[in-house]
Structure formats: C-alpha cells, structure tokens
Amino acid sequence: MPSLARGSLFVDLCTSLIISARFAPWHVGEQTMAEEQLPEVINQLRSLEQEKLLFIYDRGYISIKFIE
C-alpha cells in the first residue's frame, strides 16, 4: 500500500525532544510543511528565551526561497 501521509519534525538535537510535528496529505511537500512550522518553532523557542537558533535540514530543502 502506498504512503498516504507525510510527516515533518523539528527535533532538538541536544535533548532529542520533538519541538514540533505535523502530518499532512502526501501531496503536500516537505518544504511547504517546514515553511509553515518554522515561524511557530521560532516563536516557541524565543518564548523560552532561546535567541541563538540554528536549524539543520536534510537534503531536499536547498532552495534560495526556503533559505530566505
């Protein structure tokens, strides 16, 4: 049976805790999901007084639009 959904996670690499998780239909792209999650993750971390943020993405996220 083919996949019917796509998942997107933001994980704290120091603690291995999931900061944000989303599931969407398979036709929604990974970049789209990450772009929607990123502002929420930034706001969440800044509310915890985390100002120095570094995000590492795996392959498939390399585009000028996404980096901006």
C-alpha atoms as a PDB file:
ATOM      1  CA  MET A   1       0.000   0.000   0.000  1.00  0.00           C
ATOM      2  CA  PRO A   2       1.446   3.433  -0.900  1.00  0.00           C
ATOM      3  CA  SER A   3       2.078   6.135   1.687  1.00  0.00           C
ATOM      4  CA  LEU A   4      -0.926   8.329   2.336  1.00  0.00           C
ATOM      5  CA  ALA A   5       0.660  10.982   4.556  1.00  0.00           C
ATOM      6  CA  ARG A   6       3.854  12.953   5.040  1.00  0.00           C
ATOM      7  CA  GLY A   7       5.389  13.912   8.385  1.00  0.00           C
ATOM      8  CA  SER A   8       7.573  16.861   9.344  1.00  0.00           C
ATOM      9  CA  LEU A   9       9.515  17.117  12.607  1.00  0.00           C
ATOM     10  CA  PHE A  10      11.632  19.754  14.300  1.00  0.00           C
ATOM     11  CA  VAL A  11      13.859  17.979  16.819  1.00  0.00           C
ATOM     12  CA  ASP A  12      16.171  19.479  19.449  1.00  0.00           C
ATOM     13  CA  LEU A  13      19.432  17.679  18.700  1.00  0.00           C
ATOM     14  CA  CYS A  14      20.766  18.216  22.241  1.00  0.00           C
ATOM     15  CA  THR A  15      17.793  16.642  24.029  1.00  0.00           C
ATOM     16  CA  SER A  16      16.218  14.562  21.224  1.00  0.00           C
ATOM     17  CA  LEU A  17      12.863  16.145  22.098  1.00  0.00           C
ATOM     18  CA  ILE A  18      10.410  16.853  19.307  1.00  0.00           C
ATOM     19  CA  ILE A  19       9.671  20.584  19.252  1.00  0.00           C
ATOM     20  CA  SER A  20       7.037  20.441  16.521  1.00  0.00           C
ATOM     21  CA  ALA A  21       5.420  17.675  14.494  1.00  0.00           C
ATOM     22  CA  ARG A  22       2.994  17.819  11.606  1.00  0.00           C
ATOM     23  CA  PHE A  23       1.266  15.342   9.371  1.00  0.00           C
ATOM     24  CA  ALA A  24      -0.263  16.260   6.025  1.00  0.00           C
ATOM     25  CA  PRO A  25      -1.565  14.513   2.928  1.00  0.00           C
ATOM     26  CA  TRP A  26       1.145  13.018   0.725  1.00  0.00           C
ATOM     27  CA  HIS A  27       0.725  15.691  -1.967  1.00  0.00           C
ATOM     28  CA  VAL A  28       1.852  18.461   0.453  1.00  0.00           C
ATOM     29  CA  GLY A  29       5.619  18.932   0.070  1.00  0.00           C
ATOM     30  CA  GLU A  30       8.228  18.794   2.831  1.00  0.00           C
ATOM     31  CA  GLN A  31       9.356  22.371   2.186  1.00  0.00           C
ATOM     32  CA  THR A  32       5.795  23.649   2.459  1.00  0.00           C
ATOM     33  CA  MET A  33       5.333  21.911   5.792  1.00  0.00           C
ATOM     34  CA  ALA A  34       8.655  23.181   7.141  1.00  0.00           C
ATOM     35  CA  GLU A  35       7.910  26.748   5.989  1.00  0.00           C
ATOM     36  CA  GLU A  36       4.615  26.655   7.900  1.00  0.00           C
ATOM     37  CA  GLN A  37       6.225  25.216  11.041  1.00  0.00           C
ATOM     38  CA  LEU A  38       9.319  27.404  11.200  1.00  0.00           C
ATOM     39  CA  PRO A  39       7.690  30.643  12.461  1.00  0.00           C
ATOM     40  CA  GLU A  40       5.850  28.686  15.177  1.00  0.00           C
ATOM     41  CA  VAL A  41       9.045  26.935  16.258  1.00  0.00           C
ATOM     42  CA  ILE A  42      10.958  30.229  16.364  1.00  0.00           C
ATOM     43  CA  ASN A  43       8.232  31.882  18.466  1.00  0.00           C
ATOM     44  CA  GLN A  44       8.103  28.899  20.789  1.00  0.00           C
ATOM     45  CA  LEU A  45      11.875  28.876  21.341  1.00  0.00           C
ATOM     46  CA  ARG A  46      12.077  32.656  21.783  1.00  0.00           C
ATOM     47  CA  SER A  47       9.338  32.490  24.417  1.00  0.00           C
ATOM     48  CA  LEU A  48      11.746  30.208  26.298  1.00  0.00           C
ATOM     49  CA  GLU A  49      14.453  32.894  25.957  1.00  0.00           C
ATOM     50  CA  GLN A  50      16.349  30.941  23.308  1.00  0.00           C
ATOM     51  CA  GLU A  51      17.769  33.596  20.995  1.00  0.00           C
ATOM     52  CA  LYS A  52      20.642  31.737  19.310  1.00  0.00           C
ATOM     53  CA  LEU A  53      18.877  29.373  16.938  1.00  0.00           C
ATOM     54  CA  LEU A  54      20.447  27.075  14.369  1.00  0.00           C
ATOM     55  CA  PHE A  55      18.340  24.922  12.078  1.00  0.00           C
ATOM     56  CA  ILE A  56      19.813  21.980  10.176  1.00  0.00           C
ATOM     57  CA  TYR A  57      17.787  20.464   7.356  1.00  0.00           C
ATOM     58  CA  ASP A  58      18.468  17.309   5.403  1.00  0.00           C
ATOM     59  CA  ARG A  59      18.538  17.003   1.640  1.00  0.00           C
ATOM     60  CA  GLY A  60      15.616  18.352  -0.320  1.00  0.00           C
ATOM     61  CA  TYR A  61      15.447  21.719   1.412  1.00  0.00           C
ATOM     62  CA  ILE A  62      18.049  23.507  -0.691  1.00  0.00           C
ATOM     63  CA  SER A  63      16.438  26.430  -2.423  1.00  0.00           C
ATOM     64  CA  ILE A  64      17.035  30.174  -2.259  1.00  0.00           C
ATOM     65  CA  LYS A  65      13.362  30.741  -1.409  1.00  0.00           C
ATOM     66  CA  PHE A  66      13.477  28.376   1.545  1.00  0.00           C
ATOM     67  CA  ILE A  67      16.767  29.770   2.889  1.00  0.00           C
ATOM     68  CA  GLU A  68      15.404  33.325   2.780  1.00  0.00           C
END
